[in-house]
Amino acid sequence: MTPPLLELRNLTVHAGELALVRGVTLTLRPGETLGIIGESGSGKTITCLALLRLLPEGLGATADAILWRGRDLAGLSEREFRPCRGREMAMVFQDPVGSFNPAKRIGWHPP
């Protein structure tokens, strides 16, 4: 069996003591497609933002494991993680045409 591309175990996103998302576990293998669906406000976007380390100020995330191609992302510094974001892993936002890409500097965006 092919090793997972992404393995996420027990992700929790929190604002102080308040858990906004808790217990998210998923595995994605090469060639698979994963769609995350749910009601508005159920934590879909915040889960993906946590994976990409793009959470708004004041929010934090913990997980038992965040493995990308077998590499532990939790152990990487922001500088080490930055090349992975956008090149190896990315997020399609709900309104990709009208949204700024938070992984890029503002000058990168077309006027």
PDB file of N, CA and C in Angstrom:
ATOM      1  N   MET A   1       0.840  -1.184   0.000  1.00  0.00           N
ATOM      2  CA  MET A   1       0.000   0.000   0.000  1.00  0.00           C
ATOM      3  C   MET A   1       0.884   1.246   0.000  1.00  0.00           C
ATOM      4  N   THR A   2       0.492   2.242  -0.778  1.00  0.00           N
ATOM      5  CA  THR A   2       1.236   3.497  -0.878  1.00  0.00           C
ATOM      6  C   THR A   2       1.122   4.280   0.427  1.00  0.00           C
ATOM      7  N   PRO A   3       2.238   4.838   0.911  1.00  0.00           N
ATOM      8  CA  PRO A   3       2.152   5.632   2.143  1.00  0.00           C
ATOM      9  C   PRO A   3       1.318   6.893   1.923  1.00  0.00           C
ATOM     10  N   PRO A   4       0.725   7.421   2.980  1.00  0.00           N
ATOM     11  CA  PRO A   4      -0.135   8.596   2.849  1.00  0.00           C
ATOM     12  C   PRO A   4       0.627   9.829   2.376  1.00  0.00           C
ATOM     13  N   LEU A   5      -0.077  10.649   1.621  1.00  0.00           N
ATOM     14  CA  LEU A   5       0.425  11.957   1.238  1.00  0.00           C
ATOM     15  C   LEU A   5       0.276  12.902   2.432  1.00  0.00           C
ATOM     16  N   LEU A   6      -0.894  12.842   3.056  1.00  0.00           N
ATOM     17  CA  LEU A   6      -1.192  13.654   4.228  1.00  0.00           C
ATOM     18  C   LEU A   6      -1.818  12.776   5.294  1.00  0.00           C
ATOM     19  N   GLU A   7      -1.315  12.901   6.493  1.00  0.00           N
ATOM     20  CA  GLU A   7      -1.914  12.204   7.629  1.00  0.00           C
ATOM     21  C   GLU A   7      -2.079  13.215   8.759  1.00  0.00           C
ATOM     22  N   LEU A   8      -3.307  13.407   9.158  1.00  0.00           N
ATOM     23  CA  LEU A   8      -3.647  14.353  10.216  1.00  0.00           C
ATOM     24  C   LEU A   8      -4.360  13.585  11.312  1.00  0.00           C
ATOM     25  N   ARG A   9      -3.853  13.715  12.541  1.00  0.00           N
ATOM     26  CA  ARG A   9      -4.464  13.001  13.660  1.00  0.00           C
ATOM     27  C   ARG A   9      -4.804  13.958  14.788  1.00  0.00           C
ATOM     28  N   ASN A  10      -6.075  13.995  15.117  1.00  0.00           N
ATOM     29  CA  ASN A  10      -6.583  14.680  16.300  1.00  0.00           C
ATOM     30  C   ASN A  10      -6.259  16.185  16.322  1.00  0.00           C
ATOM     31  N   LEU A  11      -6.565  16.864  15.225  1.00  0.00           N
ATOM     32  CA  LEU A  11      -6.353  18.309  15.146  1.00  0.00           C
ATOM     33  C   LEU A  11      -7.389  19.037  15.983  1.00  0.00           C
ATOM     34  N   THR A  12      -6.926  19.997  16.768  1.00  0.00           N
ATOM     35  CA  THR A  12      -7.800  20.885  17.524  1.00  0.00           C
ATOM     36  C   THR A  12      -7.378  22.312  17.222  1.00  0.00           C
ATOM     37  N   VAL A  13      -8.343  23.151  16.884  1.00  0.00           N
ATOM     38  CA  VAL A  13      -8.109  24.580  16.694  1.00  0.00           C
ATOM     39  C   VAL A  13      -8.823  25.290  17.821  1.00  0.00           C
ATOM     40  N   HIS A  14      -8.124  26.216  18.466  1.00  0.00           N
ATOM     41  CA  HIS A  14      -8.700  26.842  19.650  1.00  0.00           C
ATOM     42  C   HIS A  14      -8.473  28.346  19.658  1.00  0.00           C
ATOM     43  N   ALA A  15      -9.365  29.018  20.341  1.00  0.00           N
ATOM     44  CA  ALA A  15      -9.238  30.439  20.655  1.00  0.00           C
ATOM     45  C   ALA A  15      -9.184  30.494  22.173  1.00  0.00           C
ATOM     46  N   GLY A  16      -7.983  30.567  22.724  1.00  0.00           N
ATOM     47  CA  GLY A  16      -7.834  30.479  24.168  1.00  0.00           C
ATOM     48  C   GLY A  16      -8.276  29.102  24.636  1.00  0.00           C
ATOM     49  N   GLU A  17      -9.219  29.069  25.565  1.00  0.00           N
ATOM     50  CA  GLU A  17      -9.728  27.808  26.112  1.00  0.00           C
ATOM     51  C   GLU A  17     -10.852  27.198  25.271  1.00  0.00           C
ATOM     52  N   LEU A  18     -11.396  27.957  24.334  1.00  0.00           N
ATOM     53  CA  LEU A  18     -12.532  27.515  23.523  1.00  0.00           C
ATOM     54  C   LEU A  18     -12.059  26.731  22.306  1.00  0.00           C
ATOM     55  N   ALA A  19     -12.464  25.475  22.194  1.00  0.00           N
ATOM     56  CA  ALA A  19     -12.127  24.649  21.029  1.00  0.00           C
ATOM     57  C   ALA A  19     -13.110  24.967  19.907  1.00  0.00           C
ATOM     58  N   LEU A  20     -12.589  25.447  18.787  1.00  0.00           N
ATOM     59  CA  LEU A  20     -13.429  25.751  17.627  1.00  0.00           C
ATOM     60  C   LEU A  20     -13.615  24.519  16.754  1.00  0.00           C
ATOM     61  N   VAL A  21     -12.575  23.719  16.662  1.00  0.00           N
ATOM     62  CA  VAL A  21     -12.582  22.460  15.913  1.00  0.00           C
ATOM     63  C   VAL A  21     -11.833  21.475  16.794  1.00  0.00           C
ATOM     64  N   ARG A  22     -12.331  20.250  16.899  1.00  0.00           N
ATOM     65  CA  ARG A  22     -11.581  19.283  17.715  1.00  0.00           C
ATOM     66  C   ARG A  22     -11.731  17.869  17.157  1.00  0.00           C
ATOM     67  N   GLY A  23     -10.618  17.146  17.263  1.00  0.00           N
ATOM     68  CA  GLY A  23     -10.618  15.731  16.908  1.00  0.00           C
ATOM     69  C   GLY A  23     -10.624  15.423  15.422  1.00  0.00           C
ATOM     70  N   VAL A  24     -10.153  16.337  14.576  1.00  0.00           N
ATOM     71  CA  VAL A  24     -10.154  16.077  13.134  1.00  0.00           C
ATOM     72  C   VAL A  24      -9.015  15.117  12.802  1.00  0.00           C
ATOM     73  N   THR A  25      -9.368  14.019  12.179  1.00  0.00           N
ATOM     74  CA  THR A  25      -8.405  13.007  11.755  1.00  0.00           C
ATOM     75  C   THR A  25      -8.724  12.623  10.327  1.00  0.00           C
ATOM     76  N   LEU A  26      -7.704  12.616   9.473  1.00  0.00           N
ATOM     77  CA  LEU A  26      -7.913  12.208   8.082  1.00  0.00           C
ATOM     78  C   LEU A  26      -6.617  11.702   7.498  1.00  0.00           C
ATOM     79  N   THR A  27      -6.742  10.895   6.468  1.00  0.00           N
ATOM     80  CA  THR A  27      -5.604  10.374   5.722  1.00  0.00           C
ATOM     81  C   THR A  27      -5.910  10.532   4.246  1.00  0.00           C
ATOM     82  N   LEU A  28      -4.949  11.061   3.509  1.00  0.00           N
ATOM     83  CA  LEU A  28      -5.093  11.252   2.068  1.00  0.00           C
ATOM     84  C   LEU A  28      -3.905  10.592   1.378  1.00  0.00           C
ATOM     85  N   ARG A  29      -4.198   9.674   0.470  1.00  0.00           N
ATOM     86  CA  ARG A  29      -3.146   8.951  -0.256  1.00  0.00           C
ATOM     87  C   ARG A  29      -2.976   9.558  -1.651  1.00  0.00           C
ATOM     88  N   PRO A  30      -1.791   9.402  -2.254  1.00  0.00           N
ATOM     89  CA  PRO A  30      -1.586   9.916  -3.609  1.00  0.00           C
ATOM     90  C   PRO A  30      -2.661   9.403  -4.562  1.00  0.00           C
ATOM     91  N   GLY A  31      -3.171  10.284  -5.399  1.00  0.00           N
ATOM     92  CA  GLY A  31      -4.213   9.923  -6.357  1.00  0.00           C
ATOM     93  C   GLY A  31      -5.623  10.054  -5.820  1.00  0.00           C
ATOM     94  N   GLU A  32      -5.777  10.203  -4.522  1.00  0.00           N
ATOM     95  CA  GLU A  32      -7.104  10.372  -3.927  1.00  0.00           C
ATOM     96  C   GLU A  32      -7.506  11.844  -3.954  1.00  0.00           C
ATOM     97  N   THR A  33      -8.792  12.066  -3.916  1.00  0.00           N
ATOM     98  CA  THR A  33      -9.349  13.408  -3.801  1.00  0.00           C
ATOM     99  C   THR A  33     -10.159  13.457  -2.525  1.00  0.00           C
ATOM    100  N   LEU A  34      -9.983  14.523  -1.776  1.00  0.00           N
ATOM    101  CA  LEU A  34     -10.714  14.683  -0.524  1.00  0.00           C
ATOM    102  C   LEU A  34     -11.523  15.963  -0.600  1.00  0.00           C
ATOM    103  N   GLY A  35     -12.799  15.855  -0.375  1.00  0.00           N
ATOM    104  CA  GLY A  35     -13.662  17.022  -0.270  1.00  0.00           C
ATOM    105  C   GLY A  35     -14.146  17.138   1.160  1.00  0.00           C
ATOM    106  N   ILE A  36     -14.054  18.331   1.698  1.00  0.00           N
ATOM    107  CA  ILE A  36     -14.516  18.556   3.070  1.00  0.00           C
ATOM    108  C   ILE A  36     -15.809  19.341   2.978  1.00  0.00           C
ATOM    109  N   ILE A  37     -16.888  18.731   3.453  1.00  0.00           N
ATOM    110  CA  ILE A  37     -18.195  19.373   3.367  1.00  0.00           C
ATOM    111  C   ILE A  37     -18.793  19.518   4.759  1.00  0.00           C
ATOM    112  N   GLY A  38     -19.688  20.442   4.887  1.00  0.00           N
ATOM    113  CA  GLY A  38     -20.370  20.644   6.156  1.00  0.00           C
ATOM    114  C   GLY A  38     -21.118  21.958   6.140  1.00  0.00           C
ATOM    115  N   GLU A  39     -21.893  22.165   7.157  1.00  0.00           N
ATOM    116  CA  GLU A  39     -22.667  23.395   7.262  1.00  0.00           C
ATOM    117  C   GLU A  39     -21.749  24.591   7.423  1.00  0.00           C
ATOM    118  N   SER A  40     -22.255  25.754   7.107  1.00  0.00           N
ATOM    119  CA  SER A  40     -21.531  26.992   7.320  1.00  0.00           C
ATOM    120  C   SER A  40     -21.178  27.104   8.804  1.00  0.00           C
ATOM    121  N   GLY A  41     -19.927  27.417   9.078  1.00  0.00           N
ATOM    122  CA  GLY A  41     -19.489  27.551  10.466  1.00  0.00           C
ATOM    123  C   GLY A  41     -19.064  26.255  11.125  1.00  0.00           C
ATOM    124  N   SER A  42     -19.007  25.165  10.370  1.00  0.00           N
ATOM    125  CA  SER A  42     -18.668  23.875  10.980  1.00  0.00           C
ATOM    126  C   SER A  42     -17.170  23.644  11.130  1.00  0.00           C
ATOM    127  N   GLY A  43     -16.330  24.526  10.574  1.00  0.00           N
ATOM    128  CA  GLY A  43     -14.893  24.410  10.774  1.00  0.00           C
ATOM    129  C   GLY A  43     -14.090  23.949   9.577  1.00  0.00           C
ATOM    130  N   LYS A  44     -14.694  23.895   8.409  1.00  0.00           N
ATOM    131  CA  LYS A  44     -13.981  23.440   7.212  1.00  0.00           C
ATOM    132  C   LYS A  44     -12.795  24.350   6.890  1.00  0.00           C
ATOM    133  N   THR A  45     -13.060  25.629   6.765  1.00  0.00           N
ATOM    134  CA  THR A  45     -12.012  26.578   6.401  1.00  0.00           C
ATOM    135  C   THR A  45     -10.952  26.665   7.486  1.00  0.00           C
ATOM    136  N   ILE A  46     -11.351  26.735   8.724  1.00  0.00           N
ATOM    137  CA  ILE A  46     -10.395  26.890   9.819  1.00  0.00           C
ATOM    138  C   ILE A  46      -9.500  25.651   9.935  1.00  0.00           C
ATOM    139  N   THR A  47     -10.029  24.476   9.617  1.00  0.00           N
ATOM    140  CA  THR A  47      -9.226  23.256   9.609  1.00  0.00           C
ATOM    141  C   THR A  47      -8.130  23.346   8.552  1.00  0.00           C
ATOM    142  N   CYS A  48      -8.501  23.770   7.353  1.00  0.00           N
ATOM    143  CA  CYS A  48      -7.520  23.876   6.274  1.00  0.00           C
ATOM    144  C   CYS A  48      -6.521  24.997   6.540  1.00  0.00           C
ATOM    145  N   LEU A  49      -6.979  26.108   7.093  1.00  0.00           N
ATOM    146  CA  LEU A  49      -6.057  27.194   7.449  1.00  0.00           C
ATOM    147  C   LEU A  49      -5.050  26.726   8.493  1.00  0.00           C
ATOM    148  N   ALA A  50      -5.484  25.886   9.421  1.00  0.00           N
ATOM    149  CA  ALA A  50      -4.574  25.348  10.437  1.00  0.00           C
ATOM    150  C   ALA A  50      -3.500  24.473   9.785  1.00  0.00           C
ATOM    151  N   LEU A  51      -3.890  23.658   8.815  1.00  0.00           N
ATOM    152  CA  LEU A  51      -2.920  22.811   8.120  1.00  0.00           C
ATOM    153  C   LEU A  51      -1.857  23.636   7.410  1.00  0.00           C
ATOM    154  N   LEU A  52      -2.264  24.773   6.875  1.00  0.00           N
ATOM    155  CA  LEU A  52      -1.342  25.625   6.128  1.00  0.00           C
ATOM    156  C   LEU A  52      -0.674  26.692   6.987  1.00  0.00           C
ATOM    157  N   ARG A  53      -0.945  26.663   8.288  1.00  0.00           N
ATOM    158  CA  ARG A  53      -0.404  27.648   9.227  1.00  0.00           C
ATOM    159  C   ARG A  53      -0.796  29.072   8.844  1.00  0.00           C
ATOM    160  N   LEU A  54      -2.037  29.245   8.482  1.00  0.00           N
ATOM    161  CA  LEU A  54      -2.546  30.556   8.096  1.00  0.00           C
ATOM    162  C   LEU A  54      -3.677  31.012   9.013  1.00  0.00           C
ATOM    163  N   LEU A  55      -3.694  30.513  10.238  1.00  0.00           N
ATOM    164  CA  LEU A  55      -4.748  30.889  11.181  1.00  0.00           C
ATOM    165  C   LEU A  55      -4.663  32.371  11.529  1.00  0.00           C
ATOM    166  N   PRO A  56      -5.815  33.019  11.687  1.00  0.00           N
ATOM    167  CA  PRO A  56      -5.802  34.416  12.121  1.00  0.00           C
ATOM    168  C   PRO A  56      -5.176  34.548  13.505  1.00  0.00           C
ATOM    169  N   GLU A  57      -4.688  35.743  13.793  1.00  0.00           N
ATOM    170  CA  GLU A  57      -4.096  36.016  15.096  1.00  0.00           C
ATOM    171  C   GLU A  57      -5.105  35.704  16.201  1.00  0.00           C
ATOM    172  N   GLY A  58      -4.626  35.107  17.267  1.00  0.00           N
ATOM    173  CA  GLY A  58      -5.483  34.760  18.397  1.00  0.00           C
ATOM    174  C   GLY A  58      -5.963  33.323  18.374  1.00  0.00           C
ATOM    175  N   LEU A  59      -5.770  32.631  17.258  1.00  0.00           N
ATOM    176  CA  LEU A  59      -6.141  31.219  17.170  1.00  0.00           C
ATOM    177  C   LEU A  59      -4.889  30.373  17.178  1.00  0.00           C
ATOM    178  N   GLY A  60      -5.000  29.177  17.731  1.00  0.00           N
ATOM    179  CA  GLY A  60      -3.890  28.237  17.768  1.00  0.00           C
ATOM    180  C   GLY A  60      -4.363  26.851  17.391  1.00  0.00           C
ATOM    181  N   ALA A  61      -3.430  25.979  17.101  1.00  0.00           N
ATOM    182  CA  ALA A  61      -3.785  24.613  16.714  1.00  0.00           C
ATOM    183  C   ALA A  61      -2.803  23.634  17.334  1.00  0.00           C
ATOM    184  N   THR A  62      -3.324  22.463  17.682  1.00  0.00           N
ATOM    185  CA  THR A  62      -2.505  21.353  18.147  1.00  0.00           C
ATOM    186  C   THR A  62      -2.981  20.101  17.437  1.00  0.00           C
ATOM    187  N   ALA A  63      -2.094  19.140  17.308  1.00  0.00           N
ATOM    188  CA  ALA A  63      -2.447  17.858  16.694  1.00  0.00           C
ATOM    189  C   ALA A  63      -1.490  16.797  17.203  1.00  0.00           C
ATOM    190  N   ASP A  64      -1.968  15.569  17.245  1.00  0.00           N
ATOM    191  CA  ASP A  64      -1.090  14.454  17.603  1.00  0.00           C
ATOM    192  C   ASP A  64      -0.065  14.230  16.501  1.00  0.00           C
ATOM    193  N   ALA A  65      -0.463  14.445  15.235  1.00  0.00           N
ATOM    194  CA  ALA A  65       0.457  14.297  14.100  1.00  0.00           C
ATOM    195  C   ALA A  65      -0.063  15.087  12.914  1.00  0.00           C
ATOM    196  N   ILE A  66       0.860  15.755  12.225  1.00  0.00           N
ATOM    197  CA  ILE A  66       0.589  16.363  10.925  1.00  0.00           C
ATOM    198  C   ILE A  66       1.756  15.940  10.045  1.00  0.00           C
ATOM    199  N   LEU A  67       1.529  14.922   9.239  1.00  0.00           N
ATOM    200  CA  LEU A  67       2.577  14.364   8.395  1.00  0.00           C
ATOM    201  C   LEU A  67       2.272  14.634   6.937  1.00  0.00           C
ATOM    202  N   TRP A  68       3.218  15.210   6.229  1.00  0.00           N
ATOM    203  CA  TRP A  68       3.098  15.465   4.792  1.00  0.00           C
ATOM    204  C   TRP A  68       4.211  14.683   4.106  1.00  0.00           C
ATOM    205  N   ARG A  69       3.820  13.668   3.329  1.00  0.00           N
ATOM    206  CA  ARG A  69       4.781  12.785   2.671  1.00  0.00           C
ATOM    207  C   ARG A  69       5.756  12.180   3.674  1.00  0.00           C
ATOM    208  N   GLY A  70       5.226  11.881   4.852  1.00  0.00           N
ATOM    209  CA  GLY A  70       6.007  11.255   5.911  1.00  0.00           C
ATOM    210  C   GLY A  70       6.814  12.218   6.760  1.00  0.00           C
ATOM    211  N   ARG A  71       6.841  13.486   6.384  1.00  0.00           N
ATOM    212  CA  ARG A  71       7.611  14.500   7.127  1.00  0.00           C
ATOM    213  C   ARG A  71       6.711  15.165   8.153  1.00  0.00           C
ATOM    214  N   ASP A  72       7.218  15.285   9.369  1.00  0.00           N
ATOM    215  CA  ASP A  72       6.459  15.888  10.465  1.00  0.00           C
ATOM    216  C   ASP A  72       6.475  17.401  10.309  1.00  0.00           C
ATOM    217  N   LEU A  73       5.341  17.980   9.905  1.00  0.00           N
ATOM    218  CA  LEU A  73       5.251  19.422   9.703  1.00  0.00           C
ATOM    219  C   LEU A  73       5.275  20.192  11.011  1.00  0.00           C
ATOM    220  N   ALA A  74       4.799  19.577  12.075  1.00  0.00           N
ATOM    221  CA  ALA A  74       4.748  20.268  13.362  1.00  0.00           C
ATOM    222  C   ALA A  74       6.141  20.642  13.852  1.00  0.00           C
ATOM    223  N   GLY A  75       7.139  19.885  13.459  1.00  0.00           N
ATOM    224  CA  GLY A  75       8.494  20.147  13.908  1.00  0.00           C
ATOM    225  C   GLY A  75       9.243  21.181  13.084  1.00  0.00           C
ATOM    226  N   LEU A  76       8.636  21.679  11.998  1.00  0.00           N
ATOM    227  CA  LEU A  76       9.309  22.639  11.135  1.00  0.00           C
ATOM    228  C   LEU A  76       9.111  24.070  11.626  1.00  0.00           C
ATOM    229  N   SER A  77      10.138  24.869  11.483  1.00  0.00           N
ATOM    230  CA  SER A  77       9.993  26.299  11.768  1.00  0.00           C
ATOM    231  C   SER A  77       9.172  26.933  10.637  1.00  0.00           C
ATOM    232  N   GLU A  78       8.726  28.158  10.837  1.00  0.00           N
ATOM    233  CA  GLU A  78       7.971  28.851   9.786  1.00  0.00           C
ATOM    234  C   GLU A  78       8.821  28.981   8.525  1.00  0.00           C
ATOM    235  N   ARG A  79      10.081  29.265   8.683  1.00  0.00           N
ATOM    236  CA  ARG A  79      10.984  29.403   7.531  1.00  0.00           C
ATOM    237  C   ARG A  79      11.116  28.078   6.768  1.00  0.00           C
ATOM    238  N   GLU A  80      11.197  26.966   7.487  1.00  0.00           N
ATOM    239  CA  GLU A  80      11.294  25.653   6.848  1.00  0.00           C
ATOM    240  C   GLU A  80       9.979  25.246   6.190  1.00  0.00           C
ATOM    241  N   PHE A  81       8.867  25.690   6.778  1.00  0.00           N
ATOM    242  CA  PHE A  81       7.553  25.305   6.264  1.00  0.00           C
ATOM    243  C   PHE A  81       7.143  26.116   5.039  1.00  0.00           C
ATOM    244  N   ARG A  82       7.574  27.365   4.958  1.00  0.00           N
ATOM    245  CA  ARG A  82       7.125  28.287   3.914  1.00  0.00           C
ATOM    246  C   ARG A  82       7.252  27.729   2.491  1.00  0.00           C
ATOM    247  N   PRO A  83       8.364  27.081   2.089  1.00  0.00           N
ATOM    248  CA  PRO A  83       8.449  26.553   0.715  1.00  0.00           C
ATOM    249  C   PRO A  83       7.410  25.469   0.417  1.00  0.00           C
ATOM    250  N   CYS A  84       6.960  24.768   1.431  1.00  0.00           N
ATOM    251  CA  CYS A  84       5.947  23.722   1.255  1.00  0.00           C
ATOM    252  C   CYS A  84       4.590  24.334   0.907  1.00  0.00           C
ATOM    253  N   ARG A  85       4.265  25.437   1.572  1.00  0.00           N
ATOM    254  CA  ARG A  85       2.972  26.098   1.372  1.00  0.00           C
ATOM    255  C   ARG A  85       2.963  26.782   0.010  1.00  0.00           C
ATOM    256  N   GLY A  86       2.001  26.411  -0.799  1.00  0.00           N
ATOM    257  CA  GLY A  86       1.871  27.015  -2.113  1.00  0.00           C
ATOM    258  C   GLY A  86       2.542  26.209  -3.205  1.00  0.00           C
ATOM    259  N   ARG A  87       3.619  25.518  -2.891  1.00  0.00           N
ATOM    260  CA  ARG A  87       4.300  24.685  -3.886  1.00  0.00           C
ATOM    261  C   ARG A  87       3.849  23.242  -3.807  1.00  0.00           C
ATOM    262  N   GLU A  88       3.788  22.719  -2.585  1.00  0.00           N
ATOM    263  CA  GLU A  88       3.421  21.321  -2.397  1.00  0.00           C
ATOM    264  C   GLU A  88       1.990  21.157  -1.909  1.00  0.00           C
ATOM    265  N   MET A  89       1.528  22.110  -1.115  1.00  0.00           N
ATOM    266  CA  MET A  89       0.166  22.044  -0.593  1.00  0.00           C
ATOM    267  C   MET A  89      -0.447  23.440  -0.677  1.00  0.00           C
ATOM    268  N   ALA A  90      -1.732  23.464  -0.998  1.00  0.00           N
ATOM    269  CA  ALA A  90      -2.422  24.746  -1.145  1.00  0.00           C
ATOM    270  C   ALA A  90      -3.898  24.540  -0.838  1.00  0.00           C
ATOM    271  N   MET A  91      -4.610  25.623  -0.838  1.00  0.00           N
ATOM    272  CA  MET A  91      -6.041  25.601  -0.514  1.00  0.00           C
ATOM    273  C   MET A  91      -6.789  26.351  -1.599  1.00  0.00           C
ATOM    274  N   VAL A  92      -7.908  25.811  -2.032  1.00  0.00           N
ATOM    275  CA  VAL A  92      -8.786  26.510  -2.957  1.00  0.00           C
ATOM    276  C   VAL A  92      -9.850  27.177  -2.100  1.00  0.00           C
ATOM    277  N   PHE A  93      -9.829  28.503  -2.073  1.00  0.00           N
ATOM    278  CA  PHE A  93     -10.755  29.240  -1.230  1.00  0.00           C
ATOM    279  C   PHE A  93     -12.144  29.253  -1.848  1.00  0.00           C
ATOM    280  N   GLN A  94     -13.154  29.525  -1.044  1.00  0.00           N
ATOM    281  CA  GLN A  94     -14.544  29.482  -1.493  1.00  0.00           C
ATOM    282  C   GLN A  94     -14.791  30.433  -2.653  1.00  0.00           C
ATOM    283  N   ASP A  95     -14.143  31.591  -2.657  1.00  0.00           N
ATOM    284  CA  ASP A  95     -14.260  32.551  -3.746  1.00  0.00           C
ATOM    285  C   ASP A  95     -12.845  32.886  -4.202  1.00  0.00           C
ATOM    286  N   PRO A  96     -12.205  31.980  -4.954  1.00  0.00           N
ATOM    287  CA  PRO A  96     -10.800  32.167  -5.281  1.00  0.00           C
ATOM    288  C   PRO A  96     -10.532  33.390  -6.151  1.00  0.00           C
ATOM    289  N   VAL A  97     -11.507  33.833  -6.944  1.00  0.00           N
ATOM    290  CA  VAL A  97     -11.300  34.990  -7.812  1.00  0.00           C
ATOM    291  C   VAL A  97     -11.306  36.280  -7.005  1.00  0.00           C
ATOM    292  N   GLY A  98     -12.165  36.362  -6.007  1.00  0.00           N
ATOM    293  CA  GLY A  98     -12.316  37.590  -5.245  1.00  0.00           C
ATOM    294  C   GLY A  98     -11.500  37.649  -3.972  1.00  0.00           C
ATOM    295  N   SER A  99     -10.672  36.648  -3.708  1.00  0.00           N
ATOM    296  CA  SER A  99      -9.936  36.588  -2.448  1.00  0.00           C
ATOM    297  C   SER A  99      -8.452  36.841  -2.658  1.00  0.00           C
ATOM    298  N   PHE A 100      -7.837  37.436  -1.667  1.00  0.00           N
ATOM    299  CA  PHE A 100      -6.391  37.518  -1.655  1.00  0.00           C
ATOM    300  C   PHE A 100      -5.855  36.177  -1.203  1.00  0.00           C
ATOM    301  N   ASN A 101      -4.702  35.811  -1.710  1.00  0.00           N
ATOM    302  CA  ASN A 101      -4.038  34.580  -1.304  1.00  0.00           C
ATOM    303  C   ASN A 101      -3.182  34.908  -0.083  1.00  0.00           C
ATOM    304  N   PRO A 102      -3.541  34.407   1.112  1.00  0.00           N
ATOM    305  CA  PRO A 102      -2.791  34.764   2.313  1.00  0.00           C
ATOM    306  C   PRO A 102      -1.381  34.190   2.348  1.00  0.00           C
ATOM    307  N   ALA A 103      -1.059  33.296   1.439  1.00  0.00           N
ATOM    308  CA  ALA A 103       0.284  32.735   1.397  1.00  0.00           C
ATOM    309  C   ALA A 103       1.240  33.597   0.573  1.00  0.00           C
ATOM    310  N   LYS A 104       0.710  34.616  -0.095  1.00  0.00           N
ATOM    311  CA  LYS A 104       1.525  35.495  -0.938  1.00  0.00           C
ATOM    312  C   LYS A 104       1.568  36.901  -0.375  1.00  0.00           C
ATOM    313  N   ARG A 105       2.660  37.616  -0.675  1.00  0.00           N
ATOM    314  CA  ARG A 105       2.761  39.015  -0.279  1.00  0.00           C
ATOM    315  C   ARG A 105       1.741  39.820  -1.081  1.00  0.00           C
ATOM    316  N   ILE A 106       1.295  40.940  -0.519  1.00  0.00           N
ATOM    317  CA  ILE A 106       0.244  41.725  -1.163  1.00  0.00           C
ATOM    318  C   ILE A 106       0.664  42.201  -2.551  1.00  0.00           C
ATOM    319  N   GLY A 107       1.940  42.507  -2.752  1.00  0.00           N
ATOM    320  CA  GLY A 107       2.419  42.960  -4.046  1.00  0.00           C
ATOM    321  C   GLY A 107       2.323  41.926  -5.142  1.00  0.00           C
ATOM    322  N   TRP A 108       2.203  40.660  -4.775  1.00  0.00           N
ATOM    323  CA  TRP A 108       2.083  39.574  -5.736  1.00  0.00           C
ATOM    324  C   TRP A 108       0.734  39.599  -6.445  1.00  0.00           C
ATOM    325  N   HIS A 109      -0.285  40.096  -5.770  1.00  0.00           N
ATOM    326  CA  HIS A 109      -1.649  40.069  -6.289  1.00  0.00           C
ATOM    327  C   HIS A 109      -1.815  41.093  -7.416  1.00  0.00           C
ATOM    328  N   PRO A 110      -2.547  40.702  -8.463  1.00  0.00           N
ATOM    329  CA  PRO A 110      -2.793  41.665  -9.549  1.00  0.00           C
ATOM    330  C   PRO A 110      -3.681  42.812  -9.072  1.00  0.00           C
ATOM    331  N   PRO A 111      -3.525  43.998  -9.677  1.00  0.00           N
ATOM    332  CA  PRO A 111      -4.351  45.159  -9.251  1.00  0.00           C
ATOM    333  C   PRO A 111      -5.810  44.980  -9.600  1.00  0.00           C
TER     334      PRO A 111
END
